[in-house]
Protein backbone atom coordinates (compact mmCIF):
# COMPACT_ATOMS: atom_id res chain seq x y z
CA UNK A 1 87.90 104.92 73.71
CA UNK A 2 88.75 102.89 70.62
CA UNK A 3 85.88 100.81 69.25
CA UNK A 4 86.37 97.15 70.15
CA UNK A 5 85.46 95.98 66.64
CA UNK A 6 88.17 98.04 64.89
CA UNK A 7 90.96 95.96 63.33
CA UNK A 8 93.97 95.65 65.64
CA UNK A 9 96.34 97.54 63.33
CA UNK A 10 93.94 100.47 63.11
CA UNK A 11 93.52 100.49 66.87
CA UNK A 12 97.31 100.35 67.39
CA UNK A 13 97.90 103.18 64.91
CA UNK A 14 95.24 105.33 66.51
CA UNK A 15 96.71 104.71 69.97
CA UNK A 16 100.19 105.64 68.77
CA UNK A 17 98.92 108.84 67.17
CA UNK A 18 97.05 109.72 70.34
CA UNK A 19 100.22 109.19 72.44
CA UNK A 20 102.38 111.22 70.06
CA UNK A 21 99.91 114.08 70.31
CA UNK A 22 99.91 113.98 74.13
CA UNK A 23 103.69 113.55 74.64
CA UNK A 24 104.73 116.98 73.30
CA UNK A 25 101.97 118.58 75.34
CA UNK A 26 103.28 116.85 78.47
CA UNK A 27 106.84 118.00 77.73
CA UNK A 28 105.62 121.52 76.99
CA UNK A 29 103.79 121.56 80.33
CA UNK A 30 106.97 120.72 82.25
CA UNK A 31 107.37 121.86 84.91
CA UNK A 32 103.91 122.26 86.39
CA UNK A 33 105.05 122.06 90.03
CA UNK A 34 108.16 123.00 92.05
CA UNK A 35 111.47 121.34 91.17
CA UNK A 36 113.82 120.04 93.88
CA UNK A 37 117.54 120.65 93.49
CA UNK A 38 119.51 118.29 95.72
CA UNK A 39 122.83 119.60 97.01
CA UNK A 40 124.81 116.52 98.15
CA UNK A 41 126.92 118.54 100.59
CA UNK A 42 126.45 120.65 103.70
CA UNK A 43 125.55 124.36 103.46
CA UNK A 44 128.37 126.85 103.06
CA UNK A 45 130.49 125.08 100.47
CA UNK A 46 131.02 125.88 96.80
CA UNK A 47 128.31 123.48 95.58
CA UNK A 48 125.78 125.00 97.95
CA UNK A 49 126.68 128.61 97.11
CA UNK A 50 126.54 128.15 93.33
CA UNK A 51 123.52 125.84 93.50
CA UNK A 52 121.45 128.43 95.32
CA UNK A 53 122.42 131.14 92.84
CA UNK A 54 121.38 128.89 89.96
CA UNK A 55 118.11 127.86 91.62
CA UNK A 56 117.14 131.49 92.07
CA UNK A 57 117.95 132.26 88.43
CA UNK A 58 115.97 129.27 87.11
CA UNK A 59 112.75 130.19 88.93
CA UNK A 60 111.52 132.84 86.44
CA UNK A 61 112.72 130.81 83.44
CA UNK A 62 110.95 127.59 84.42
CA UNK A 63 107.96 129.38 85.91
CA UNK A 64 108.20 127.23 89.04
CA UNK A 65 110.22 127.51 92.25
CA UNK A 66 113.45 125.53 92.37
CA UNK A 67 113.74 124.37 95.96
CA UNK A 68 117.25 123.69 97.24
CA UNK A 69 117.58 120.73 99.59
CA UNK A 70 120.89 119.77 101.25
CA UNK A 71 121.42 116.02 101.66
CA UNK A 72 125.06 115.70 102.77
CA UNK A 73 127.01 112.62 103.75
CA UNK A 74 129.35 109.91 102.47
CA UNK A 75 131.24 112.25 100.17
CA UNK A 76 128.08 113.21 98.30
CA UNK A 77 126.85 109.62 97.92
CA UNK A 78 123.74 110.12 100.05
CA UNK A 79 122.46 112.98 97.91
CA UNK A 80 123.53 111.29 94.68
CA UNK A 81 121.81 108.04 95.63
CA UNK A 82 118.64 109.90 96.60
CA UNK A 83 118.42 111.46 93.15
CA UNK A 84 119.33 108.19 91.40
CA UNK A 85 116.40 106.49 93.16
CA UNK A 86 113.93 109.30 92.48
CA UNK A 87 111.26 109.27 89.79
CA UNK A 88 112.75 110.15 86.38
CA UNK A 89 110.31 113.00 85.78
CA UNK A 90 112.56 116.05 86.02
CA UNK A 91 111.30 117.14 89.43
CA UNK A 92 114.29 115.87 91.45
CA UNK A 93 117.68 117.01 90.18
CA UNK A 94 121.26 116.71 91.40
CA UNK A 95 123.68 119.62 91.63
CA UNK A 96 126.59 117.39 90.71
CA UNK A 97 130.26 117.82 91.54
CA UNK A 98 133.30 115.64 90.95
CA UNK A 99 133.06 113.78 94.27
CA UNK A 100 129.90 111.70 93.94
CA UNK A 101 130.02 111.40 90.15
CA UNK A 102 133.61 110.76 89.02
CA UNK A 103 135.74 110.18 92.14
CA UNK A 104 133.68 108.02 94.49
CA UNK A 105 133.32 105.06 92.10
CA UNK A 106 137.09 104.52 92.49
CA UNK A 107 137.18 105.49 96.14
CA UNK A 108 134.33 103.59 97.79
CA UNK A 109 134.37 99.81 98.02
CA UNK A 110 130.58 99.77 98.10
CA UNK A 111 128.85 102.52 96.12
CA UNK A 112 125.09 102.77 96.73
CA UNK A 113 124.53 103.79 93.10
CA UNK A 114 126.35 103.83 89.76
CA UNK A 115 126.67 107.42 88.52
CA UNK A 116 127.37 106.31 84.93
CA UNK A 117 124.28 104.11 84.78
CA UNK A 118 121.83 105.68 87.24
CA UNK A 119 122.12 109.38 86.36
CA UNK A 120 121.59 111.36 83.17
CA UNK A 121 123.89 114.26 82.29
CA UNK A 122 122.13 117.56 81.55
CA UNK A 123 124.87 120.19 81.52
CA UNK A 124 128.15 121.22 83.08
CA UNK A 125 127.10 124.52 84.61
CA UNK A 126 130.54 125.94 85.27
CA UNK A 127 134.18 125.19 85.85
CA UNK A 128 135.97 126.79 88.73
CA UNK A 129 139.42 127.34 90.07
CA UNK A 130 140.62 125.73 93.23
CA UNK A 131 142.69 127.77 95.64
CA UNK A 132 145.43 126.94 98.13
CA UNK A 133 145.07 128.92 101.33
CA UNK A 134 146.85 128.94 104.67
CA UNK A 135 146.00 130.13 108.14
CA UNK A 136 147.33 133.64 108.80
CA UNK A 137 149.51 132.49 111.70
CA UNK A 138 151.61 130.33 109.37
CA UNK A 139 154.93 132.07 108.53
CA UNK A 140 154.50 131.79 104.77
CA UNK A 141 153.32 134.42 102.30
CA UNK A 142 154.30 132.57 99.11
CA UNK A 143 154.06 128.97 97.96
CA UNK A 144 157.85 128.55 98.08
CA UNK A 145 157.98 129.85 101.65
CA UNK A 146 155.23 127.37 102.54
CA UNK A 147 157.06 124.44 100.91
CA UNK A 148 160.32 125.35 102.67
CA UNK A 149 158.54 125.62 106.03
CA UNK A 150 156.68 122.33 105.50
CA UNK A 151 159.89 120.47 104.57
CA UNK A 152 161.66 121.93 107.62
CA UNK A 153 158.78 120.78 109.85
CA UNK A 154 157.84 117.31 108.56
CA UNK A 155 154.59 115.96 109.95
CA UNK A 156 153.79 119.11 111.92
CA UNK A 157 151.34 120.63 109.45
CA UNK A 158 147.72 119.63 108.91
CA UNK A 159 145.35 120.30 106.04
CA UNK A 160 141.58 120.29 106.03
CA UNK A 161 138.95 119.06 103.60
CA UNK A 162 135.16 118.66 103.52
CA UNK A 163 135.53 114.91 104.09
CA UNK A 164 137.49 111.72 103.52
CA UNK A 165 138.03 111.08 99.83
CA UNK A 166 136.88 114.56 98.79
CA UNK A 167 138.57 116.33 95.88
CA UNK A 168 140.13 118.66 98.46
CA UNK A 169 141.74 115.74 100.27
CA UNK A 170 143.00 114.24 97.02
CA UNK A 171 144.43 117.62 95.99
CA UNK A 172 146.27 117.81 99.31
CA UNK A 173 147.57 114.26 98.91
CA UNK A 174 148.71 115.08 95.38
CA UNK A 175 150.61 118.13 96.63
CA UNK A 176 152.30 116.02 99.30
CA UNK A 177 153.25 113.51 96.62
CA UNK A 178 154.58 116.01 94.08
CA UNK A 179 156.34 118.34 96.54
CA UNK A 180 157.64 115.69 98.92
CA UNK A 181 155.75 116.92 101.98
CA UNK A 182 154.45 115.28 105.14
CA UNK A 183 151.15 116.65 106.49
CA UNK A 184 148.17 115.22 108.35
CA UNK A 185 144.74 115.22 106.72
CA UNK A 186 141.85 116.43 108.89
CA UNK A 187 138.41 115.62 107.43
CA UNK A 188 135.36 117.75 108.22
CA UNK A 189 131.65 117.44 107.52
CA UNK A 190 131.67 120.06 104.79
CA UNK A 191 133.84 122.93 103.58
CA UNK A 192 132.22 125.45 105.91
CA UNK A 193 133.43 123.83 109.16
CA UNK A 194 136.90 123.29 107.66
CA UNK A 195 137.20 126.97 106.73
CA UNK A 196 136.07 127.97 110.22
CA UNK A 197 138.90 125.93 111.74
CA UNK A 198 141.38 127.29 109.19
CA UNK A 199 140.47 130.85 110.14
CA UNK A 200 140.88 129.92 113.83
CA UNK A 201 144.30 128.34 113.16
CA UNK A 202 143.30 124.79 114.14
CA UNK A 203 144.52 123.53 110.74
CA UNK A 204 147.29 124.98 108.58
CA UNK A 205 146.17 124.85 104.95
CA UNK A 206 143.52 123.79 102.44
CA UNK A 207 143.16 123.32 98.69
CA UNK A 208 139.49 123.65 97.83
CA UNK A 209 137.01 125.36 95.52
CA UNK A 210 137.57 129.10 95.10
CA UNK A 211 133.92 130.19 95.60
CA UNK A 212 134.03 128.90 99.18
CA UNK A 213 137.47 130.34 100.01
CA UNK A 214 137.84 133.61 98.12
CA UNK A 215 135.41 135.60 100.32
CA UNK A 216 137.56 134.76 103.36
CA UNK A 217 140.72 135.72 101.47
CA UNK A 218 139.18 139.06 100.52
CA UNK A 219 138.09 139.57 104.13
CA UNK A 220 141.68 139.03 105.25
CA UNK A 221 140.96 136.08 107.53
CA UNK A 222 143.10 133.58 105.57
CA UNK A 223 145.98 133.93 103.09
CA UNK A 224 145.97 132.69 99.47
CA UNK A 225 149.18 131.27 97.99
CA UNK A 226 148.39 129.85 94.54
CA UNK A 227 145.75 128.43 92.17
CA UNK A 228 146.25 124.87 90.84
CA UNK A 229 145.21 125.89 87.31
CA UNK A 230 146.85 126.39 83.94
CA UNK A 231 146.05 130.10 84.11
CA UNK A 232 145.24 132.71 86.73
CA UNK A 233 141.66 133.20 87.88
CA UNK A 234 139.96 136.35 86.63
CA UNK A 235 138.36 136.67 90.07
CA UNK A 236 141.78 136.83 91.72
CA UNK A 237 144.32 137.92 89.09
CA UNK A 238 147.00 138.71 91.66
CA UNK A 239 147.24 135.09 92.85
CA UNK A 240 149.81 133.10 90.83
CA UNK A 241 149.35 129.63 89.41
CA UNK A 242 151.31 126.79 90.99
CA UNK A 243 153.65 126.75 88.00
CA UNK A 244 154.30 130.48 88.30
CA UNK A 245 154.94 129.95 92.01
CA UNK A 246 157.56 127.28 91.32
CA UNK A 247 155.60 124.01 91.52
CA UNK A 248 154.85 122.89 87.92
CA UNK A 249 152.52 120.08 86.92
CA UNK A 250 149.91 120.72 89.60
CA UNK A 251 146.53 121.39 87.96
CA UNK A 252 143.28 120.38 89.68
CA UNK A 253 140.14 122.14 88.44
CA UNK A 254 136.60 121.82 89.83
CA UNK A 255 133.14 122.02 88.27
CA UNK A 256 129.43 121.85 89.00
CA UNK A 257 126.82 120.22 86.78
CA UNK A 258 123.17 119.31 86.61
CA UNK A 259 122.03 115.67 86.48
CA UNK A 260 118.73 113.79 86.67
CA UNK A 261 117.68 110.17 87.28
CA UNK A 262 118.29 107.90 84.29
CA UNK A 263 115.14 107.54 82.21
CA UNK A 264 114.23 111.22 82.42
CA UNK A 265 112.48 112.05 79.10
CA UNK A 266 114.82 113.63 76.52
CA UNK A 267 112.36 116.52 76.10
CA UNK A 268 112.64 117.32 79.82
CA UNK A 269 116.45 117.06 79.69
CA UNK A 270 116.46 119.47 76.73
CA UNK A 271 114.12 121.85 78.56
CA UNK A 272 116.39 121.91 81.61
CA UNK A 273 119.51 122.33 79.51
CA UNK A 274 117.96 125.26 77.65
CA UNK A 275 116.84 126.82 80.95
CA UNK A 276 120.36 126.64 82.43
CA UNK A 277 121.92 128.07 79.26
CA UNK A 278 119.45 130.95 79.35
CA UNK A 279 120.13 131.56 83.06
CA UNK A 280 123.87 131.65 82.42
CA UNK A 281 123.41 134.30 79.74
CA UNK A 282 122.16 136.75 82.36
CA UNK A 283 124.94 139.31 82.92
CA UNK A 284 124.18 139.61 86.63
CA UNK A 285 124.46 135.86 87.25
CA UNK A 286 127.59 135.58 85.09
CA UNK A 287 129.23 138.40 87.02
CA UNK A 288 128.33 136.82 90.35
CA UNK A 289 129.76 133.46 89.25
CA UNK A 290 132.94 135.07 87.97
CA UNK A 291 133.40 137.10 91.16
CA UNK A 292 133.43 133.79 93.03
CA UNK A 293 135.98 132.23 90.67
CA UNK A 294 133.53 130.21 88.58
CA UNK A 295 133.39 130.40 84.77
CA UNK A 296 129.86 129.77 83.36
CA UNK A 297 129.66 127.01 80.74
CA UNK A 298 126.31 125.38 79.88
CA UNK A 299 127.70 122.44 77.87
CA UNK A 300 125.41 120.04 76.01
CA UNK A 301 124.23 116.78 77.62
CA UNK A 302 126.53 114.80 75.29
CA UNK A 303 129.55 116.98 76.11
CA UNK A 304 128.89 116.69 79.83
CA UNK A 305 128.49 112.90 79.60
CA UNK A 306 131.88 112.65 77.85
CA UNK A 307 133.47 114.92 80.46
CA UNK A 308 132.18 112.65 83.24
CA UNK A 309 133.53 109.54 81.48
CA UNK A 310 136.96 111.13 80.91
CA UNK A 311 137.28 112.48 84.45
CA UNK A 312 136.24 109.16 85.99
CA UNK A 313 139.39 107.70 84.44
CA UNK A 314 141.62 110.66 85.48
CA UNK A 315 140.46 110.75 89.09
CA UNK A 316 140.57 106.96 89.29
CA UNK A 317 144.29 107.06 88.49
CA UNK A 318 144.83 109.75 91.14
CA UNK A 319 142.94 107.74 93.78
CA UNK A 320 145.11 104.74 92.94
CA UNK A 321 148.39 106.68 93.00
CA UNK A 322 147.65 108.26 96.39
CA UNK A 323 146.39 104.98 97.87
CA UNK A 324 143.21 106.62 99.15
CA UNK A 325 140.37 104.21 99.92
CA UNK A 326 137.08 104.24 101.83
CA UNK A 327 135.34 101.06 102.85
């Protein structure tokens, strides 16, 4: 305790020195208990699959368990809001995707949180290809055959997504817009249930993240037609891009990132960024990601923050052009 008779400036200086000595020790001690990784979607989708792989890889690096917790609902808003309202101490993190961070602000009339103001960017973990797939009973083995069939049967086809306003729905709406198609959107509570119905033939097609769809393609339960990317996916080199398949100008990529509540100490953000970068350098994890159609990144917090700002504008224009809205 500082002596009460010390001059105020000496006392203030001593207190500041004491704090500066403790702060690095506190940062160095992080984490000293398990970390929660919030997945804002239901189990079985791309975010869940990749999030669990990352959590497992981070455990030995951080020296603490990384516990995955699914909090789905409202297009990822429930999980995103939970993290935004959590203590900014690095122990509650968001496995972020485009939906709750860059799309929903334009989509929802009443957002429970502001991603740009309430969350701190740590790193973009990976970028991934999307994939267009169809049910096996559909008489189309190429994108052009699908487009011809869809135009010959206006309004008869349906496409699934993990929910209203999801990137998968917007990708489907964009395809309808660019290719002049009519098809009914069927929202599900997650990618997993949508894929189940696609396999069963209850819906006709989907455009969603490759990690959730490619295993079913490889198993032969659904058929892949094209990737909406500027180049083929290394995980599925035989599947053409949309441009190669005759539908140019259709590029919709996906990504996953790590975010924390705003106010999280910079030293903790740096620790988490370094941990993710180290995890992504592991050949086994990189191979697993790439097999699923995800390309490991590990961008800096500043780079990821700029990406979020840029994509908020891009997706906002797409939401407006398709007329998609959620009250």
